Amino acid sequence: MVRIARILRTSMVQLARLGISAAGRRDKSDALLSYLASEEFAATFGGVREAIEKAQRALGKERRHHDQSWAQREGYYRHVDSGLAAIYASVVGIIDNGVAGESSVEIQKVVELSTAPAIH
């Protein structure tokens, strides 16, 4: 609607700049109003409105697809994180159960460095 209003406003400004008589401006204004009330305008505007609606539906469909895809990837990353946590727990359990020397705190530091979040 904003574009149609802009087209009409620009046309009216151009009409005023033409320097034609009041009767000439009135004739052109009448012709413009006649066009706006015509089947031709209604059909063309209907086609524009339909294209806008199709574009909005396509955008919504694309957004839903992306949301589903992102949710799926987030699930993968959660699975990776839980798997790494399980590996860490197993390693710490092994180290803490009978190996002298390094503590689980030192092992935790190594594991944290190796599992730091990657920049996506």
C-alpha atoms as a PDB file:
ATOM      1  CA  MET A   1       0.000   0.000   0.000  1.00  0.00           C
ATOM      2  CA  VAL A   2       2.850   2.368   0.779  1.00  0.00           C
ATOM      3  CA  ARG A   3       4.272   1.896  -2.698  1.00  0.00           C
ATOM      4  CA  ILE A   4       0.897   2.581  -4.320  1.00  0.00           C
ATOM      5  CA  ALA A   5       0.531   5.732  -2.226  1.00  0.00           C
ATOM      6  CA  ARG A   6       4.050   6.770  -3.272  1.00  0.00           C
ATOM      7  CA  ILE A   7       3.221   6.156  -6.957  1.00  0.00           C
ATOM      8  CA  LEU A   8       0.033   8.200  -6.674  1.00  0.00           C
ATOM      9  CA  ARG A   9       1.764  11.032  -4.804  1.00  0.00           C
ATOM     10  CA  THR A  10       4.605  11.178  -7.323  1.00  0.00           C
ATOM     11  CA  SER A  11       2.073  11.223 -10.159  1.00  0.00           C
ATOM     12  CA  MET A  12       0.145  14.071  -8.538  1.00  0.00           C
ATOM     13  CA  VAL A  13       3.349  16.080  -8.027  1.00  0.00           C
ATOM     14  CA  GLN A  14       4.329  15.501 -11.661  1.00  0.00           C
ATOM     15  CA  LEU A  15       0.833  16.550 -12.714  1.00  0.00           C
ATOM     16  CA  ALA A  16       1.210  19.822 -10.786  1.00  0.00           C
ATOM     17  CA  ARG A  17       4.628  20.453 -12.362  1.00  0.00           C
ATOM     18  CA  LEU A  18       3.348  20.054 -15.903  1.00  0.00           C
ATOM     19  CA  GLY A  19       2.004  23.577 -15.821  1.00  0.00           C
ATOM     20  CA  ILE A  20      -1.263  22.639 -17.473  1.00  0.00           C
ATOM     21  CA  SER A  21      -4.487  24.452 -16.879  1.00  0.00           C
ATOM     22  CA  ALA A  22      -6.861  23.636 -14.044  1.00  0.00           C
ATOM     23  CA  ALA A  23      -9.197  21.977 -16.552  1.00  0.00           C
ATOM     24  CA  GLY A  24      -6.309  19.844 -17.870  1.00  0.00           C
ATOM     25  CA  ARG A  25      -5.322  18.807 -14.347  1.00  0.00           C
ATOM     26  CA  ARG A  26      -8.937  17.949 -13.595  1.00  0.00           C
ATOM     27  CA  ASP A  27      -9.143  15.784 -16.738  1.00  0.00           C
ATOM     28  CA  LYS A  28      -5.957  13.947 -15.801  1.00  0.00           C
ATOM     29  CA  SER A  29      -7.149  13.526 -12.198  1.00  0.00           C
ATOM     30  CA  ASP A  30     -10.443  12.121 -13.469  1.00  0.00           C
ATOM     31  CA  ALA A  31      -8.550   9.739 -15.759  1.00  0.00           C
ATOM     32  CA  LEU A  32      -6.363   8.650 -12.844  1.00  0.00           C
ATOM     33  CA  LEU A  33      -9.382   8.024 -10.610  1.00  0.00           C
ATOM     34  CA  SER A  34     -11.069   6.143 -13.436  1.00  0.00           C
ATOM     35  CA  TYR A  35      -7.990   3.906 -13.759  1.00  0.00           C
ATOM     36  CA  LEU A  36      -7.920   3.273  -9.997  1.00  0.00           C
ATOM     37  CA  ALA A  37     -11.576   2.178 -10.159  1.00  0.00           C
ATOM     38  CA  SER A  38     -11.027  -0.011 -13.228  1.00  0.00           C
ATOM     39  CA  GLU A  39     -10.892  -3.792 -13.593  1.00  0.00           C
ATOM     40  CA  GLU A  40      -7.394  -3.417 -15.033  1.00  0.00           C
ATOM     41  CA  PHE A  41      -6.105  -1.818 -11.823  1.00  0.00           C
ATOM     42  CA  ALA A  42      -7.995  -4.342  -9.676  1.00  0.00           C
ATOM     43  CA  ALA A  43      -6.515  -7.268 -11.619  1.00  0.00           C
ATOM     44  CA  THR A  44      -2.982  -5.870 -11.538  1.00  0.00           C
ATOM     45  CA  PHE A  45      -3.239  -4.999  -7.843  1.00  0.00           C
ATOM     46  CA  GLY A  46      -4.684  -8.451  -7.144  1.00  0.00           C
ATOM     47  CA  GLY A  47      -1.675 -10.015  -8.849  1.00  0.00           C
ATOM     48  CA  VAL A  48       0.681  -7.910  -6.753  1.00  0.00           C
ATOM     49  CA  ARG A  49      -1.181  -8.811  -3.558  1.00  0.00           C
ATOM     50  CA  GLU A  50      -1.087 -12.518  -4.478  1.00  0.00           C
ATOM     51  CA  ALA A  51       2.674 -12.347  -5.116  1.00  0.00           C
ATOM     52  CA  ILE A  52       3.187 -10.684  -1.727  1.00  0.00           C
ATOM     53  CA  GLU A  53       1.140 -13.392   0.001  1.00  0.00           C
ATOM     54  CA  LYS A  54       3.100 -16.154  -1.770  1.00  0.00           C
ATOM     55  CA  ALA A  55       6.392 -14.523  -0.787  1.00  0.00           C
ATOM     56  CA  GLN A  56       5.259 -14.268   2.839  1.00  0.00           C
ATOM     57  CA  ARG A  57       4.185 -17.932   2.889  1.00  0.00           C
ATOM     58  CA  ALA A  58       7.514 -18.975   1.347  1.00  0.00           C
ATOM     59  CA  LEU A  59       9.404 -16.920   3.917  1.00  0.00           C
ATOM     60  CA  GLY A  60       7.425 -18.526   6.755  1.00  0.00           C
ATOM     61  CA  LYS A  61       8.092 -21.991   5.349  1.00  0.00           C
ATOM     62  CA  GLU A  62      11.800 -21.210   5.032  1.00  0.00           C
ATOM     63  CA  ARG A  63      11.919 -19.859   8.600  1.00  0.00           C
ATOM     64  CA  ARG A  64      10.234 -23.024   9.964  1.00  0.00           C
ATOM     65  CA  HIS A  65      12.694 -25.188   8.003  1.00  0.00           C
ATOM     66  CA  HIS A  66      15.669 -23.249   9.400  1.00  0.00           C
ATOM     67  CA  ASP A  67      14.267 -23.441  12.943  1.00  0.00           C
ATOM     68  CA  GLN A  68      13.881 -27.222  12.609  1.00  0.00           C
ATOM     69  CA  SER A  69      17.364 -27.575  11.145  1.00  0.00           C
ATOM     70  CA  TRP A  70      18.910 -25.458  13.898  1.00  0.00           C
ATOM     71  CA  ALA A  71      17.059 -27.397  16.600  1.00  0.00           C
ATOM     72  CA  GLN A  72      18.368 -30.633  15.096  1.00  0.00           C
ATOM     73  CA  ARG A  73      21.955 -29.316  15.100  1.00  0.00           C
ATOM     74  CA  GLU A  74      21.588 -28.119  18.688  1.00  0.00           C
ATOM     75  CA  GLY A  75      20.564 -31.665  19.582  1.00  0.00           C
ATOM     76  CA  TYR A  76      23.723 -32.979  17.932  1.00  0.00           C
ATOM     77  CA  TYR A  77      25.863 -30.544  19.931  1.00  0.00           C
ATOM     78  CA  ARG A  78      24.098 -31.513  23.172  1.00  0.00           C
ATOM     79  CA  HIS A  79      24.825 -35.154  22.336  1.00  0.00           C
ATOM     80  CA  VAL A  80      28.488 -34.305  21.698  1.00  0.00           C
ATOM     81  CA  ASP A  81      28.690 -32.422  24.998  1.00  0.00           C
ATOM     82  CA  SER A  82      27.106 -35.257  26.978  1.00  0.00           C
ATOM     83  CA  GLY A  83      29.366 -37.805  25.263  1.00  0.00           C
ATOM     84  CA  LEU A  84      32.444 -35.779  26.106  1.00  0.00           C
ATOM     85  CA  ALA A  85      31.240 -35.414  29.689  1.00  0.00           C
ATOM     86  CA  ALA A  86      30.852 -39.212  29.889  1.00  0.00           C
ATOM     87  CA  ILE A  87      34.356 -39.687  28.489  1.00  0.00           C
ATOM     88  CA  TYR A  88      35.675 -37.194  31.021  1.00  0.00           C
ATOM     89  CA  ALA A  89      33.894 -38.966  33.881  1.00  0.00           C
ATOM     90  CA  SER A  90      35.347 -42.300  32.746  1.00  0.00           C
ATOM     91  CA  VAL A  91      38.886 -40.913  32.448  1.00  0.00           C
ATOM     92  CA  VAL A  92      38.683 -39.262  35.861  1.00  0.00           C
ATOM     93  CA  GLY A  93      37.269 -42.439  37.343  1.00  0.00           C
ATOM     94  CA  ILE A  94      40.136 -44.479  35.952  1.00  0.00           C
ATOM     95  CA  ILE A  95      42.758 -41.976  37.081  1.00  0.00           C
ATOM     96  CA  ASP A  96      41.282 -41.555  40.566  1.00  0.00           C
ATOM     97  CA  ASN A  97      41.028 -45.312  41.100  1.00  0.00           C
ATOM     98  CA  GLY A  98      44.570 -46.431  41.605  1.00  0.00           C
ATOM     99  CA  VAL A  99      46.955 -44.274  39.564  1.00  0.00           C
ATOM    100  CA  ALA A 100      49.239 -42.205  41.755  1.00  0.00           C
ATOM    101  CA  GLY A 101      50.674 -38.911  40.596  1.00  0.00           C
ATOM    102  CA  GLU A 102      48.380 -36.675  38.625  1.00  0.00           C
ATOM    103  CA  SER A 103      45.172 -35.605  40.248  1.00  0.00           C
ATOM    104  CA  SER A 104      41.754 -35.479  38.658  1.00  0.00           C
ATOM    105  CA  VAL A 105      41.991 -31.661  38.776  1.00  0.00           C
ATOM    106  CA  GLU A 106      44.966 -31.780  36.380  1.00  0.00           C
ATOM    107  CA  ILE A 107      43.106 -34.208  34.129  1.00  0.00           C
ATOM    108  CA  GLN A 108      40.043 -31.942  34.231  1.00  0.00           C
ATOM    109  CA  LYS A 109      42.137 -29.006  32.983  1.00  0.00           C
ATOM    110  CA  VAL A 110      43.378 -31.056  30.023  1.00  0.00           C
ATOM    111  CA  VAL A 111      39.865 -32.243  29.187  1.00  0.00           C
ATOM    112  CA  GLU A 112      38.419 -28.727  29.482  1.00  0.00           C
ATOM    113  CA  LEU A 113      41.022 -27.399  27.057  1.00  0.00           C
ATOM    114  CA  SER A 114      40.277 -30.164  24.579  1.00  0.00           C
ATOM    115  CA  THR A 115      36.501 -29.717  24.835  1.00  0.00           C
ATOM    116  CA  ALA A 116      36.350 -25.923  24.870  1.00  0.00           C
ATOM    117  CA  PRO A 117      33.428 -24.736  22.741  1.00  0.00           C
ATOM    118  CA  ALA A 118      34.338 -24.238  19.135  1.00  0.00           C
ATOM    119  CA  ILE A 119      33.345 -21.006  17.460  1.00  0.00           C
ATOM    120  CA  HIS A 120      30.447 -21.852  15.120  1.00  0.00           C
END
